[in-house]
Amino acid sequence: MPQNTRDLSVWDDVNILIRDCIAQNRQAQKALYNKFAPMAYAVIKRYTRRDELADEMLNDSFMKVFTKLDKYAHKGSFEGWIRKIVVNTVTDHLRKYIKDQQMTHAAEMPEEVYMQDDIVGKMSYKEMLQIVRDLPDMQRAVFNLFVFEDCKHKEIAVMLDISEVNSRWHLNDARKRLKERITELMKR
């Protein structure tokens, strides 16, 4: 425990920070939040354009982190553990808020959409992120889960309560929209 509230360096060790958070030390909880909230918020913002919803998801995520902290097994990275909670919280919200956007699509999928790497390579991360944010909610969710979280369509289907076929359709539609938008931007 820091002797002085300004001496927070004792919490540079994540295991000490976790221990103190479990002991309900409010300063440790604030330190944990301050340390990991930016990463969590960045993940959340990939899934939603609405700041108020992102704030709600961040709060819900950290509520889960603090209530489940004693279940962290100290295996793998702690940041990865938090990230998993954040993604699960996001998908919980998405199931509620974008349920009405679900569509049933034909079992036959359109041809896969691919983009040339050199086109994407010319764009900054920030530009690419903005284009992803502009996707419709369901396409953005499926695209993020597939590309950034490395989820399979079967997992995405369960997480978002859609069929695997719908997951594949939404991913392909997202790729198509991204390709169109990137091509349009590159012509400028």
C-alpha atoms as a PDB file:
ATOM      1  CA  MET A   1       0.000   0.000   0.000  1.00  0.00           C
ATOM      2  CA  PRO A   2       1.360   3.414  -0.809  1.00  0.00           C
ATOM      3  CA  GLN A   3       2.078   5.524   2.241  1.00  0.00           C
ATOM      4  CA  ASN A   4       1.149   8.603   0.316  1.00  0.00           C
ATOM      5  CA  THR A   5      -1.705   8.858  -2.186  1.00  0.00           C
ATOM      6  CA  ARG A   6       0.754  10.434  -4.632  1.00  0.00           C
ATOM      7  CA  ASP A   7       3.087   7.433  -4.455  1.00  0.00           C
ATOM      8  CA  LEU A   8       1.283   5.170  -6.894  1.00  0.00           C
ATOM      9  CA  SER A   9       4.449   3.607  -8.321  1.00  0.00           C
ATOM     10  CA  VAL A  10       4.008   0.644  -5.972  1.00  0.00           C
ATOM     11  CA  TRP A  11       1.234  -0.433  -8.362  1.00  0.00           C
ATOM     12  CA  ASP A  12       3.568  -0.713 -11.330  1.00  0.00           C
ATOM     13  CA  ASP A  13       3.468  -4.437 -10.561  1.00  0.00           C
ATOM     14  CA  VAL A  14       0.089  -5.612 -11.884  1.00  0.00           C
ATOM     15  CA  ASN A  15      -0.080  -8.466  -9.361  1.00  0.00           C
ATOM     16  CA  ILE A  16       0.158  -6.018  -6.447  1.00  0.00           C
ATOM     17  CA  LEU A  17      -2.446  -3.824  -8.114  1.00  0.00           C
ATOM     18  CA  ILE A  18      -4.790  -6.807  -8.523  1.00  0.00           C
ATOM     19  CA  ARG A  19      -4.276  -7.870  -4.887  1.00  0.00           C
ATOM     20  CA  ASP A  20      -5.035  -4.360  -3.632  1.00  0.00           C
ATOM     21  CA  CYS A  21      -8.109  -4.065  -5.859  1.00  0.00           C
ATOM     22  CA  ILE A  22      -9.460  -7.350  -4.519  1.00  0.00           C
ATOM     23  CA  ALA A  23      -8.938  -5.894  -1.018  1.00  0.00           C
ATOM     24  CA  GLN A  24     -11.272  -3.058  -2.108  1.00  0.00           C
ATOM     25  CA  ASN A  25      -8.544  -0.389  -2.053  1.00  0.00           C
ATOM     26  CA  ARG A  26     -10.217   2.497  -3.926  1.00  0.00           C
ATOM     27  CA  GLN A  27      -6.900   4.066  -4.955  1.00  0.00           C
ATOM     28  CA  ALA A  28      -5.767   0.760  -6.453  1.00  0.00           C
ATOM     29  CA  GLN A  29      -9.075   0.438  -8.304  1.00  0.00           C
ATOM     30  CA  LYS A  30      -8.635   3.944  -9.687  1.00  0.00           C
ATOM     31  CA  ALA A  31      -5.051   3.118 -10.700  1.00  0.00           C
ATOM     32  CA  LEU A  32      -6.191  -0.081 -12.443  1.00  0.00           C
ATOM     33  CA  TYR A  33      -8.935   1.807 -14.258  1.00  0.00           C
ATOM     34  CA  ASN A  34      -6.564   4.590 -15.318  1.00  0.00           C
ATOM     35  CA  LYS A  35      -4.010   2.063 -16.536  1.00  0.00           C
ATOM     36  CA  PHE A  36      -6.352  -0.110 -18.629  1.00  0.00           C
ATOM     37  CA  ALA A  37      -9.342   2.093 -19.538  1.00  0.00           C
ATOM     38  CA  PRO A  38      -7.660   3.699 -22.577  1.00  0.00           C
ATOM     39  CA  MET A  39      -7.007   0.275 -24.126  1.00  0.00           C
ATOM     40  CA  ALA A  40     -10.534  -0.877 -23.295  1.00  0.00           C
ATOM     41  CA  TYR A  41     -12.091   2.294 -24.695  1.00  0.00           C
ATOM     42  CA  ALA A  42     -10.118   1.940 -27.944  1.00  0.00           C
ATOM     43  CA  VAL A  43     -11.494  -1.595 -28.371  1.00  0.00           C
ATOM     44  CA  ILE A  44     -15.028  -0.404 -27.637  1.00  0.00           C
ATOM     45  CA  LYS A  45     -14.809   2.523 -30.070  1.00  0.00           C
ATOM     46  CA  ARG A  46     -14.092   0.077 -32.897  1.00  0.00           C
ATOM     47  CA  TYR A  47     -17.566  -1.329 -32.294  1.00  0.00           C
ATOM     48  CA  THR A  48     -19.658   1.801 -31.814  1.00  0.00           C
ATOM     49  CA  ARG A  49     -19.774   5.368 -33.075  1.00  0.00           C
ATOM     50  CA  ARG A  50     -21.949   6.541 -30.198  1.00  0.00           C
ATOM     51  CA  ASP A  51     -19.915   8.026 -27.351  1.00  0.00           C
ATOM     52  CA  GLU A  52     -22.653   7.551 -24.774  1.00  0.00           C
ATOM     53  CA  LEU A  53     -22.936   3.859 -25.634  1.00  0.00           C
ATOM     54  CA  ALA A  54     -19.137   3.511 -25.553  1.00  0.00           C
ATOM     55  CA  ASP A  55     -19.087   5.100 -22.088  1.00  0.00           C
ATOM     56  CA  GLU A  56     -21.814   2.731 -20.917  1.00  0.00           C
ATOM     57  CA  MET A  57     -19.925  -0.275 -22.280  1.00  0.00           C
ATOM     58  CA  LEU A  58     -16.703   0.909 -20.611  1.00  0.00           C
ATOM     59  CA  ASN A  59     -18.436   1.274 -17.250  1.00  0.00           C
ATOM     60  CA  ASP A  60     -20.102  -2.120 -17.580  1.00  0.00           C
ATOM     61  CA  SER A  61     -16.778  -3.686 -18.580  1.00  0.00           C
ATOM     62  CA  PHE A  62     -14.942  -2.353 -15.546  1.00  0.00           C
ATOM     63  CA  MET A  63     -17.798  -3.304 -13.248  1.00  0.00           C
ATOM     64  CA  LYS A  64     -17.276  -6.879 -14.487  1.00  0.00           C
ATOM     65  CA  VAL A  65     -13.490  -6.575 -14.163  1.00  0.00           C
ATOM     66  CA  PHE A  66     -13.767  -5.480 -10.531  1.00  0.00           C
ATOM     67  CA  THR A  67     -16.391  -8.071  -9.606  1.00  0.00           C
ATOM     68  CA  LYS A  68     -14.495 -10.924 -11.299  1.00  0.00           C
ATOM     69  CA  LEU A  69     -10.975  -9.881 -10.385  1.00  0.00           C
ATOM     70  CA  ASP A  70     -10.626 -12.675  -7.843  1.00  0.00           C
ATOM     71  CA  LYS A  71     -11.258 -15.153 -10.683  1.00  0.00           C
ATOM     72  CA  TYR A  72      -8.250 -13.980 -12.711  1.00  0.00           C
ATOM     73  CA  ALA A  73      -5.967 -17.051 -12.814  1.00  0.00           C
ATOM     74  CA  HIS A  74      -2.694 -15.141 -13.417  1.00  0.00           C
ATOM     75  CA  LYS A  75      -2.225 -17.114 -16.626  1.00  0.00           C
ATOM     76  CA  GLY A  76      -1.648 -15.140 -19.782  1.00  0.00           C
ATOM     77  CA  SER A  77      -1.613 -11.380 -19.869  1.00  0.00           C
ATOM     78  CA  PHE A  78      -3.863  -9.424 -17.555  1.00  0.00           C
ATOM     79  CA  GLU A  79      -4.503  -6.951 -20.375  1.00  0.00           C
ATOM     80  CA  GLY A  80      -5.709  -9.857 -22.531  1.00  0.00           C
ATOM     81  CA  TRP A  81      -8.023 -10.966 -19.706  1.00  0.00           C
ATOM     82  CA  ILE A  82      -9.499  -7.456 -19.495  1.00  0.00           C
ATOM     83  CA  ARG A  83      -9.781  -7.289 -23.281  1.00  0.00           C
ATOM     84  CA  LYS A  84     -11.798 -10.537 -23.295  1.00  0.00           C
ATOM     85  CA  ILE A  85     -14.199  -9.068 -20.710  1.00  0.00           C
ATOM     86  CA  VAL A  86     -14.517  -5.898 -22.790  1.00  0.00           C
ATOM     87  CA  VAL A  87     -15.280  -7.809 -25.993  1.00  0.00           C
ATOM     88  CA  ASN A  88     -17.844  -9.976 -24.175  1.00  0.00           C
ATOM     89  CA  THR A  89     -19.470  -6.853 -22.716  1.00  0.00           C
ATOM     90  CA  VAL A  90     -19.554  -5.225 -26.139  1.00  0.00           C
ATOM     91  CA  THR A  91     -21.187  -8.269 -27.719  1.00  0.00           C
ATOM     92  CA  ASP A  92     -23.740  -8.378 -24.873  1.00  0.00           C
ATOM     93  CA  HIS A  93     -24.679  -4.786 -25.689  1.00  0.00           C
ATOM     94  CA  LEU A  94     -24.694  -5.419 -29.413  1.00  0.00           C
ATOM     95  CA  ARG A  95     -27.089  -8.325 -29.049  1.00  0.00           C
ATOM     96  CA  LYS A  96     -29.482  -5.959 -27.292  1.00  0.00           C
ATOM     97  CA  TYR A  97     -29.046  -2.843 -29.431  1.00  0.00           C
ATOM     98  CA  ILE A  98     -28.643  -4.158 -32.955  1.00  0.00           C
ATOM     99  CA  LYS A  99     -30.969  -7.144 -32.782  1.00  0.00           C
ATOM    100  CA  ASP A 100     -33.416  -5.343 -35.075  1.00  0.00           C
ATOM    101  CA  GLN A 101     -30.733  -5.025 -37.758  1.00  0.00           C
ATOM    102  CA  GLN A 102     -30.417  -8.768 -38.188  1.00  0.00           C
ATOM    103  CA  MET A 103     -31.458 -10.059 -41.538  1.00  0.00           C
ATOM    104  CA  THR A 104     -31.678 -13.548 -42.851  1.00  0.00           C
ATOM    105  CA  HIS A 105     -29.636 -13.985 -45.977  1.00  0.00           C
ATOM    106  CA  ALA A 106     -29.644 -16.699 -48.560  1.00  0.00           C
ATOM    107  CA  ALA A 107     -27.471 -19.687 -47.830  1.00  0.00           C
ATOM    108  CA  GLU A 108     -25.590 -19.004 -51.051  1.00  0.00           C
ATOM    109  CA  MET A 109     -22.895 -16.439 -50.382  1.00  0.00           C
ATOM    110  CA  PRO A 110     -21.683 -13.919 -52.923  1.00  0.00           C
ATOM    111  CA  GLU A 111     -18.103 -14.238 -54.097  1.00  0.00           C
ATOM    112  CA  GLU A 112     -15.484 -13.316 -51.451  1.00  0.00           C
ATOM    113  CA  VAL A 113     -14.296  -9.711 -51.593  1.00  0.00           C
ATOM    114  CA  TYR A 114     -10.568  -9.028 -51.435  1.00  0.00           C
ATOM    115  CA  MET A 115      -8.568  -5.815 -51.461  1.00  0.00           C
ATOM    116  CA  GLN A 116      -5.069  -5.283 -52.705  1.00  0.00           C
ATOM    117  CA  ASP A 117      -2.615  -4.839 -49.837  1.00  0.00           C
ATOM    118  CA  ASP A 118      -0.878  -1.908 -51.525  1.00  0.00           C
ATOM    119  CA  ILE A 119      -4.103   0.137 -51.489  1.00  0.00           C
ATOM    120  CA  VAL A 120      -4.727  -0.473 -47.790  1.00  0.00           C
ATOM    121  CA  GLY A 121      -1.016   0.059 -47.051  1.00  0.00           C
ATOM    122  CA  LYS A 122      -1.248   3.648 -48.279  1.00  0.00           C
ATOM    123  CA  MET A 123      -3.819   4.520 -45.634  1.00  0.00           C
ATOM    124  CA  SER A 124      -3.081   5.573 -42.090  1.00  0.00           C
ATOM    125  CA  TYR A 125      -4.400   3.519 -39.179  1.00  0.00           C
ATOM    126  CA  LYS A 126      -6.644   6.429 -38.217  1.00  0.00           C
ATOM    127  CA  GLU A 127      -8.135   6.654 -41.727  1.00  0.00           C
ATOM    128  CA  MET A 128      -8.769   2.913 -41.812  1.00  0.00           C
ATOM    129  CA  LEU A 129     -10.323   2.958 -38.346  1.00  0.00           C
ATOM    130  CA  GLN A 130     -12.705   5.745 -39.388  1.00  0.00           C
ATOM    131  CA  ILE A 131     -13.816   3.777 -42.438  1.00  0.00           C
ATOM    132  CA  VAL A 132     -14.508   0.741 -40.231  1.00  0.00           C
ATOM    133  CA  ARG A 133     -16.454   2.951 -37.797  1.00  0.00           C
ATOM    134  CA  ASP A 134     -18.646   4.126 -40.667  1.00  0.00           C
ATOM    135  CA  LEU A 135     -19.882   0.586 -41.360  1.00  0.00           C
ATOM    136  CA  PRO A 136     -23.425  -0.285 -40.252  1.00  0.00           C
ATOM    137  CA  ASP A 137     -23.486  -1.687 -36.716  1.00  0.00           C
ATOM    138  CA  MET A 138     -23.822  -5.374 -37.527  1.00  0.00           C
ATOM    139  CA  GLN A 139     -21.215  -5.351 -40.313  1.00  0.00           C
ATOM    140  CA  ARG A 140     -18.825  -3.426 -38.041  1.00  0.00           C
ATOM    141  CA  ALA A 141     -19.366  -5.888 -35.194  1.00  0.00           C
ATOM    142  CA  VAL A 142     -18.804  -8.974 -37.337  1.00  0.00           C
ATOM    143  CA  PHE A 143     -15.802  -7.398 -39.084  1.00  0.00           C
ATOM    144  CA  ASN A 144     -14.172  -6.432 -35.759  1.00  0.00           C
ATOM    145  CA  LEU A 145     -14.784  -9.831 -34.185  1.00  0.00           C
ATOM    146  CA  PHE A 146     -13.453 -11.668 -37.229  1.00  0.00           C
ATOM    147  CA  VAL A 147     -10.464  -9.433 -38.024  1.00  0.00           C
ATOM    148  CA  PHE A 148      -9.336  -7.998 -34.684  1.00  0.00           C
ATOM    149  CA  GLU A 149     -10.504 -10.630 -32.206  1.00  0.00           C
ATOM    150  CA  ASP A 150      -9.734 -13.569 -34.510  1.00  0.00           C
ATOM    151  CA  CYS A 151     -13.128 -15.172 -33.879  1.00  0.00           C
ATOM    152  CA  LYS A 152     -14.524 -17.830 -36.182  1.00  0.00           C
ATOM    153  CA  HIS A 153     -17.980 -17.471 -37.710  1.00  0.00           C
ATOM    154  CA  LYS A 154     -19.355 -20.113 -35.354  1.00  0.00           C
ATOM    155  CA  GLU A 155     -18.172 -18.051 -32.331  1.00  0.00           C
ATOM    156  CA  ILE A 156     -19.469 -14.797 -33.828  1.00  0.00           C
ATOM    157  CA  ALA A 157     -22.846 -16.414 -34.464  1.00  0.00           C
ATOM    158  CA  VAL A 158     -23.111 -17.405 -30.798  1.00  0.00           C
ATOM    159  CA  MET A 159     -21.814 -14.062 -29.520  1.00  0.00           C
ATOM    160  CA  LEU A 160     -24.228 -11.993 -31.623  1.00  0.00           C
ATOM    161  CA  ASP A 161     -27.107 -14.497 -31.678  1.00  0.00           C
ATOM    162  CA  ILE A 162     -27.108 -14.784 -35.465  1.00  0.00           C
ATOM    163  CA  SER A 163     -26.550 -17.698 -37.813  1.00  0.00           C
ATOM    164  CA  GLU A 164     -23.134 -18.587 -39.202  1.00  0.00           C
ATOM    165  CA  VAL A 165     -24.464 -17.781 -42.666  1.00  0.00           C
ATOM    166  CA  ASN A 166     -25.480 -14.321 -41.464  1.00  0.00           C
ATOM    167  CA  SER A 167     -22.048 -13.829 -39.921  1.00  0.00           C
ATOM    168  CA  ARG A 168     -20.387 -14.708 -43.245  1.00  0.00           C
ATOM    169  CA  TRP A 169     -22.777 -12.439 -45.140  1.00  0.00           C
ATOM    170  CA  HIS A 170     -22.120  -9.493 -42.801  1.00  0.00           C
ATOM    171  CA  LEU A 171     -18.355  -9.970 -43.067  1.00  0.00           C
ATOM    172  CA  ASN A 172     -18.509 -10.096 -46.844  1.00  0.00           C
ATOM    173  CA  ASP A 173     -20.799  -7.060 -46.942  1.00  0.00           C
ATOM    174  CA  ALA A 174     -18.402  -5.176 -44.640  1.00  0.00           C
ATOM    175  CA  ARG A 175     -15.465  -6.057 -46.893  1.00  0.00           C
ATOM    176  CA  LYS A 176     -17.428  -4.938 -49.948  1.00  0.00           C
ATOM    177  CA  ARG A 177     -18.328  -1.605 -48.332  1.00  0.00           C
ATOM    178  CA  LEU A 178     -14.753  -1.085 -47.132  1.00  0.00           C
ATOM    179  CA  LYS A 179     -13.365  -1.828 -50.588  1.00  0.00           C
ATOM    180  CA  GLU A 180     -15.790   0.626 -52.201  1.00  0.00           C
ATOM    181  CA  ARG A 181     -14.964   3.351 -49.686  1.00  0.00           C
ATOM    182  CA  ILE A 182     -11.194   2.824 -49.918  1.00  0.00           C
ATOM    183  CA  THR A 183     -11.293   2.790 -53.719  1.00  0.00           C
ATOM    184  CA  GLU A 184     -13.318   6.000 -53.633  1.00  0.00           C
ATOM    185  CA  LEU A 185     -10.806   7.651 -51.282  1.00  0.00           C
ATOM    186  CA  MET A 186      -7.814   6.553 -53.357  1.00  0.00           C
ATOM    187  CA  LYS A 187      -9.288   8.206 -56.480  1.00  0.00           C
ATOM    188  CA  ARG A 188      -9.162  11.609 -54.777  1.00  0.00           C
END
